[in-house]
Amino acid sequence: MKETFNGDIGRIVGIDPAEQKLQVTYDNRVVDYEWSELDELVLAYAISIHKSQGSEYPAVVIPLLSQHYVMLQRNLLYTAITRGKRIVVLVGSRRAIAMAVKNNRVRQRYTNLRDRLN
């Protein structure tokens, strides 16, 4: 079992054409793939703000459109902006940025954590 899941981000670190194998690192863990398993891998050109939490990237591009008003929250914008090490680019409308900055209401989450801890 590879113990990889949808949304995991890895990097190809080795290709062995003779053995028909490929190696991918996920959080400093190397996972081997046979040629026949390569359809399980998909290139990632973007990740969500939630998935990026706790990480930094050299460059971050943040699309901000008013059509995505549910996601226009100050805390999410802050998290997205602070992921960038060298450059952060906001793409979208000024109206959407203003909506995000003004929206400091965090949606209540129902996790049943208290019940699970008891």
N, C-alpha and C. Protein backbone atom coordinates (compact mmCIF):
# COMPACT_ATOMS: atom_id res chain seq x y z
N MET A 1 0.84 -1.18 0.00
CA MET A 1 0.00 0.00 0.00
C MET A 1 0.88 1.25 0.00
N LYS A 2 0.54 2.20 -0.83
CA LYS A 2 1.38 3.39 -1.00
C LYS A 2 1.10 4.47 0.04
N GLU A 3 -0.07 4.43 0.67
CA GLU A 3 -0.47 5.42 1.67
C GLU A 3 -0.35 6.84 1.14
N THR A 4 -0.81 7.05 -0.09
CA THR A 4 -0.92 8.38 -0.67
C THR A 4 -2.40 8.63 -0.96
N PHE A 5 -2.78 9.90 -0.90
CA PHE A 5 -4.19 10.22 -1.00
C PHE A 5 -4.41 11.38 -1.96
N ASN A 6 -5.63 11.49 -2.46
CA ASN A 6 -6.00 12.58 -3.34
C ASN A 6 -5.62 13.91 -2.69
N GLY A 7 -4.89 14.73 -3.41
CA GLY A 7 -4.47 16.02 -2.88
C GLY A 7 -3.05 16.03 -2.34
N ASP A 8 -2.46 14.85 -2.12
CA ASP A 8 -1.06 14.82 -1.66
C ASP A 8 -0.18 15.42 -2.75
N ILE A 9 0.81 16.17 -2.33
CA ILE A 9 1.71 16.82 -3.28
C ILE A 9 3.07 16.16 -3.18
N GLY A 10 3.54 15.66 -4.32
CA GLY A 10 4.83 14.99 -4.35
C GLY A 10 5.70 15.56 -5.45
N ARG A 11 6.92 15.09 -5.48
CA ARG A 11 7.88 15.52 -6.49
C ARG A 11 8.60 14.30 -7.03
N ILE A 12 8.66 14.20 -8.36
CA ILE A 12 9.37 13.09 -8.98
C ILE A 12 10.86 13.27 -8.72
N VAL A 13 11.48 12.26 -8.12
CA VAL A 13 12.90 12.35 -7.79
C VAL A 13 13.74 11.30 -8.51
N GLY A 14 13.10 10.36 -9.16
CA GLY A 14 13.87 9.35 -9.88
C GLY A 14 13.03 8.65 -10.93
N ILE A 15 13.69 8.38 -12.07
CA ILE A 15 13.05 7.63 -13.15
C ILE A 15 14.04 6.56 -13.59
N ASP A 16 13.60 5.31 -13.59
CA ASP A 16 14.45 4.20 -14.00
C ASP A 16 13.80 3.49 -15.19
N PRO A 17 14.15 3.88 -16.42
CA PRO A 17 13.53 3.25 -17.60
C PRO A 17 13.81 1.75 -17.69
N ALA A 18 14.98 1.31 -17.26
CA ALA A 18 15.31 -0.11 -17.34
C ALA A 18 14.39 -0.95 -16.45
N GLU A 19 14.15 -0.47 -15.24
CA GLU A 19 13.28 -1.19 -14.30
C GLU A 19 11.82 -0.79 -14.47
N GLN A 20 11.57 0.21 -15.29
CA GLN A 20 10.22 0.75 -15.52
C GLN A 20 9.57 1.15 -14.20
N LYS A 21 10.31 2.00 -13.47
CA LYS A 21 9.84 2.50 -12.18
C LYS A 21 10.08 4.00 -12.09
N LEU A 22 9.29 4.63 -11.25
CA LEU A 22 9.40 6.06 -11.00
C LEU A 22 9.33 6.26 -9.49
N GLN A 23 10.10 7.20 -8.96
CA GLN A 23 10.08 7.48 -7.53
C GLN A 23 9.56 8.89 -7.29
N VAL A 24 8.67 9.01 -6.30
CA VAL A 24 8.08 10.30 -5.93
C VAL A 24 8.27 10.49 -4.43
N THR A 25 8.67 11.71 -4.02
CA THR A 25 8.75 12.00 -2.59
C THR A 25 7.49 12.75 -2.15
N TYR A 26 6.97 12.33 -1.02
CA TYR A 26 5.85 12.99 -0.35
C TYR A 26 6.31 13.26 1.08
N ASP A 27 6.50 14.50 1.44
CA ASP A 27 6.92 14.85 2.81
C ASP A 27 8.11 14.00 3.26
N ASN A 28 9.16 13.99 2.47
CA ASN A 28 10.40 13.27 2.78
C ASN A 28 10.24 11.75 2.83
N ARG A 29 9.18 11.23 2.21
CA ARG A 29 8.95 9.79 2.13
C ARG A 29 8.94 9.42 0.65
N VAL A 30 9.76 8.45 0.26
CA VAL A 30 9.86 8.05 -1.14
C VAL A 30 8.87 6.92 -1.43
N VAL A 31 8.11 7.08 -2.51
CA VAL A 31 7.13 6.07 -2.93
C VAL A 31 7.48 5.64 -4.34
N ASP A 32 7.56 4.33 -4.55
CA ASP A 32 7.86 3.77 -5.87
C ASP A 32 6.58 3.51 -6.65
N TYR A 33 6.62 3.81 -7.94
CA TYR A 33 5.50 3.53 -8.84
C TYR A 33 6.02 2.70 -10.01
N GLU A 34 5.28 1.67 -10.35
CA GLU A 34 5.54 0.90 -11.56
C GLU A 34 4.99 1.69 -12.74
N TRP A 35 5.51 1.44 -13.94
CA TRP A 35 5.01 2.10 -15.15
C TRP A 35 3.49 1.96 -15.23
N SER A 36 2.96 0.78 -14.88
CA SER A 36 1.51 0.51 -15.00
C SER A 36 0.68 1.33 -14.01
N GLU A 37 1.33 1.94 -13.03
CA GLU A 37 0.61 2.73 -12.02
C GLU A 37 0.68 4.24 -12.27
N LEU A 38 1.35 4.64 -13.33
CA LEU A 38 1.56 6.07 -13.55
C LEU A 38 0.27 6.84 -13.79
N ASP A 39 -0.80 6.15 -14.18
CA ASP A 39 -2.08 6.84 -14.36
C ASP A 39 -2.67 7.30 -13.02
N GLU A 40 -2.09 6.88 -11.91
CA GLU A 40 -2.52 7.33 -10.59
C GLU A 40 -1.98 8.72 -10.26
N LEU A 41 -0.98 9.17 -11.02
CA LEU A 41 -0.37 10.48 -10.77
C LEU A 41 -0.95 11.51 -11.74
N VAL A 42 -1.19 12.70 -11.22
CA VAL A 42 -1.70 13.80 -12.03
C VAL A 42 -0.88 15.03 -11.72
N LEU A 43 -0.48 15.75 -12.76
CA LEU A 43 0.26 16.98 -12.54
C LEU A 43 -0.59 17.99 -11.78
N ALA A 44 0.03 18.71 -10.87
CA ALA A 44 -0.68 19.73 -10.09
C ALA A 44 -0.13 21.09 -10.45
N TYR A 45 -1.01 21.95 -10.91
CA TYR A 45 -0.61 23.31 -11.25
C TYR A 45 -1.08 24.30 -10.20
N ALA A 46 -1.95 23.85 -9.32
CA ALA A 46 -2.48 24.72 -8.28
C ALA A 46 -2.91 23.87 -7.09
N ILE A 47 -2.90 24.51 -5.92
CA ILE A 47 -3.42 23.86 -4.72
C ILE A 47 -4.30 24.86 -3.99
N SER A 48 -5.09 24.37 -3.08
CA SER A 48 -5.98 25.25 -2.33
C SER A 48 -5.23 25.97 -1.22
N ILE A 49 -5.82 27.03 -0.74
CA ILE A 49 -5.25 27.75 0.40
C ILE A 49 -5.16 26.82 1.59
N HIS A 50 -6.20 26.01 1.79
CA HIS A 50 -6.21 25.10 2.93
C HIS A 50 -5.06 24.10 2.85
N LYS A 51 -4.80 23.57 1.66
CA LYS A 51 -3.73 22.60 1.49
C LYS A 51 -2.35 23.24 1.69
N SER A 52 -2.26 24.54 1.44
CA SER A 52 -0.96 25.22 1.53
C SER A 52 -0.60 25.62 2.95
N GLN A 53 -1.52 25.53 3.89
CA GLN A 53 -1.24 25.96 5.25
C GLN A 53 -0.04 25.23 5.81
N GLY A 54 0.84 25.99 6.44
CA GLY A 54 2.05 25.43 7.02
C GLY A 54 3.20 25.33 6.05
N SER A 55 3.00 25.75 4.81
CA SER A 55 4.06 25.67 3.80
C SER A 55 4.37 27.07 3.26
N GLU A 56 5.52 27.17 2.60
CA GLU A 56 5.90 28.39 1.90
C GLU A 56 6.30 28.01 0.49
N TYR A 57 6.09 28.94 -0.44
CA TYR A 57 6.43 28.72 -1.84
C TYR A 57 7.12 29.96 -2.38
N PRO A 58 8.04 29.80 -3.33
CA PRO A 58 8.75 30.96 -3.87
C PRO A 58 7.81 31.99 -4.49
N ALA A 59 6.78 31.52 -5.18
CA ALA A 59 5.82 32.43 -5.82
C ALA A 59 4.41 31.91 -5.60
N VAL A 60 3.49 32.83 -5.34
CA VAL A 60 2.09 32.47 -5.11
C VAL A 60 1.22 33.37 -5.98
N VAL A 61 0.30 32.77 -6.71
CA VAL A 61 -0.68 33.52 -7.49
C VAL A 61 -2.05 33.24 -6.88
N ILE A 62 -2.76 34.31 -6.52
CA ILE A 62 -4.04 34.17 -5.83
C ILE A 62 -5.14 34.76 -6.70
N PRO A 63 -6.04 33.92 -7.24
CA PRO A 63 -7.17 34.46 -7.99
C PRO A 63 -8.26 34.93 -7.02
N LEU A 64 -8.72 36.15 -7.20
CA LEU A 64 -9.78 36.71 -6.35
C LEU A 64 -10.87 37.27 -7.24
N LEU A 65 -11.99 36.58 -7.28
CA LEU A 65 -13.12 37.00 -8.10
C LEU A 65 -14.37 37.06 -7.23
N SER A 66 -15.21 38.01 -7.50
CA SER A 66 -16.42 38.17 -6.68
C SER A 66 -17.36 36.98 -6.83
N GLN A 67 -17.26 36.22 -7.91
CA GLN A 67 -18.09 35.02 -8.08
C GLN A 67 -17.82 33.99 -6.99
N HIS A 68 -16.64 34.05 -6.39
CA HIS A 68 -16.27 33.11 -5.33
C HIS A 68 -16.48 33.75 -3.95
N TYR A 69 -17.57 34.49 -3.80
CA TYR A 69 -17.79 35.30 -2.59
C TYR A 69 -17.76 34.47 -1.31
N VAL A 70 -18.12 33.21 -1.36
CA VAL A 70 -18.10 32.37 -0.15
C VAL A 70 -16.69 32.24 0.39
N MET A 71 -15.70 32.23 -0.49
CA MET A 71 -14.31 32.07 -0.08
C MET A 71 -13.60 33.40 0.20
N LEU A 72 -14.27 34.50 -0.03
CA LEU A 72 -13.65 35.81 0.17
C LEU A 72 -13.72 36.18 1.64
N GLN A 73 -12.73 35.70 2.38
CA GLN A 73 -12.65 35.93 3.82
C GLN A 73 -11.25 36.46 4.15
N ARG A 74 -11.20 37.39 5.07
CA ARG A 74 -9.93 38.01 5.44
C ARG A 74 -8.90 36.98 5.88
N ASN A 75 -9.31 36.03 6.72
CA ASN A 75 -8.33 35.05 7.22
C ASN A 75 -7.77 34.17 6.10
N LEU A 76 -8.59 33.83 5.10
CA LEU A 76 -8.09 33.03 3.98
C LEU A 76 -7.15 33.84 3.11
N LEU A 77 -7.48 35.10 2.88
CA LEU A 77 -6.59 35.97 2.09
C LEU A 77 -5.25 36.12 2.81
N TYR A 78 -5.29 36.34 4.11
CA TYR A 78 -4.05 36.46 4.89
C TYR A 78 -3.22 35.18 4.77
N THR A 79 -3.86 34.03 4.93
CA THR A 79 -3.15 32.75 4.82
C THR A 79 -2.51 32.61 3.44
N ALA A 80 -3.27 32.95 2.40
CA ALA A 80 -2.76 32.83 1.03
C ALA A 80 -1.56 33.74 0.81
N ILE A 81 -1.67 34.98 1.25
CA ILE A 81 -0.59 35.95 1.03
C ILE A 81 0.68 35.54 1.78
N THR A 82 0.52 35.02 2.97
CA THR A 82 1.70 34.66 3.78
C THR A 82 2.36 33.36 3.36
N ARG A 83 1.84 32.70 2.34
CA ARG A 83 2.50 31.50 1.81
C ARG A 83 3.65 31.86 0.88
N GLY A 84 3.65 33.07 0.33
CA GLY A 84 4.66 33.46 -0.64
C GLY A 84 5.95 33.90 0.00
N LYS A 85 7.08 33.35 -0.45
CA LYS A 85 8.40 33.73 0.05
C LYS A 85 8.95 34.96 -0.67
N ARG A 86 8.88 34.97 -2.02
CA ARG A 86 9.49 36.05 -2.80
C ARG A 86 8.46 36.95 -3.46
N ILE A 87 7.41 36.36 -4.01
CA ILE A 87 6.45 37.15 -4.76
C ILE A 87 5.04 36.60 -4.57
N VAL A 88 4.10 37.52 -4.42
CA VAL A 88 2.68 37.17 -4.34
C VAL A 88 1.96 38.05 -5.35
N VAL A 89 1.16 37.42 -6.20
CA VAL A 89 0.41 38.14 -7.23
C VAL A 89 -1.08 37.91 -7.00
N LEU A 90 -1.83 39.00 -6.85
CA LEU A 90 -3.28 38.91 -6.75
C LEU A 90 -3.85 39.15 -8.14
N VAL A 91 -4.67 38.21 -8.61
CA VAL A 91 -5.28 38.31 -9.93
C VAL A 91 -6.79 38.33 -9.75
N GLY A 92 -7.46 39.32 -10.31
CA GLY A 92 -8.91 39.38 -10.18
C GLY A 92 -9.39 40.81 -10.16
N SER A 93 -10.34 41.08 -9.28
CA SER A 93 -10.93 42.41 -9.23
C SER A 93 -10.66 43.09 -7.89
N ARG A 94 -10.60 44.40 -7.94
CA ARG A 94 -10.43 45.18 -6.70
C ARG A 94 -11.62 44.97 -5.78
N ARG A 95 -12.79 44.81 -6.38
CA ARG A 95 -14.01 44.59 -5.59
C ARG A 95 -13.88 43.31 -4.77
N ALA A 96 -13.38 42.26 -5.37
CA ALA A 96 -13.23 40.99 -4.66
C ALA A 96 -12.21 41.12 -3.52
N ILE A 97 -11.13 41.83 -3.76
CA ILE A 97 -10.14 42.05 -2.70
C ILE A 97 -10.78 42.80 -1.55
N ALA A 98 -11.53 43.85 -1.87
CA ALA A 98 -12.21 44.64 -0.83
C ALA A 98 -13.19 43.78 -0.05
N MET A 99 -13.93 42.92 -0.76
CA MET A 99 -14.87 42.02 -0.08
C MET A 99 -14.14 41.11 0.91
N ALA A 100 -13.01 40.57 0.50
CA ALA A 100 -12.25 39.67 1.37
C ALA A 100 -11.70 40.41 2.58
N VAL A 101 -11.16 41.59 2.36
CA VAL A 101 -10.57 42.36 3.47
C VAL A 101 -11.64 42.77 4.49
N LYS A 102 -12.82 43.13 4.01
CA LYS A 102 -13.90 43.57 4.90
C LYS A 102 -14.57 42.41 5.64
N ASN A 103 -14.46 41.20 5.10
CA ASN A 103 -15.15 40.06 5.68
C ASN A 103 -14.28 39.39 6.73
N ASN A 104 -14.46 39.77 7.98
CA ASN A 104 -13.68 39.14 9.05
C ASN A 104 -14.51 38.11 9.82
N ARG A 105 -15.65 37.73 9.26
CA ARG A 105 -16.49 36.70 9.89
C ARG A 105 -15.99 35.33 9.46
N VAL A 106 -15.69 34.51 10.41
CA VAL A 106 -15.25 33.14 10.14
C VAL A 106 -16.47 32.24 10.27
N ARG A 107 -16.71 31.45 9.24
CA ARG A 107 -17.86 30.54 9.29
C ARG A 107 -17.66 29.52 10.40
N GLN A 108 -18.73 29.30 11.16
CA GLN A 108 -18.67 28.32 12.23
C GLN A 108 -18.57 26.92 11.65
N ARG A 109 -17.68 26.13 12.22
CA ARG A 109 -17.49 24.76 11.74
C ARG A 109 -18.05 23.80 12.78
N TYR A 110 -18.77 22.81 12.31
CA TYR A 110 -19.36 21.80 13.18
C TYR A 110 -18.57 20.51 13.02
N THR A 111 -17.65 20.28 13.96
CA THR A 111 -16.75 19.14 13.84
C THR A 111 -17.06 18.01 14.81
N ASN A 112 -17.90 18.27 15.81
CA ASN A 112 -18.17 17.30 16.88
C ASN A 112 -16.91 16.93 17.64
N LEU A 113 -15.94 17.85 17.66
CA LEU A 113 -14.67 17.56 18.33
C LEU A 113 -14.88 17.30 19.83
N ARG A 114 -15.70 18.09 20.47
CA ARG A 114 -15.94 17.90 21.91
C ARG A 114 -16.48 16.49 22.18
N ASP A 115 -17.45 16.06 21.36
CA ASP A 115 -18.01 14.72 21.53
C ASP A 115 -16.97 13.64 21.30
N ARG A 116 -16.12 13.85 20.32
CA ARG A 116 -15.09 12.84 20.02
C ARG A 116 -14.05 12.74 21.12
N LEU A 117 -13.73 13.87 21.76
CA LEU A 117 -12.75 13.86 22.84
C LEU A 117 -13.31 13.22 24.12
N ASN A 118 -14.63 13.32 24.28
CA ASN A 118 -15.25 12.69 25.47
C ASN A 118 -15.39 11.25 25.23
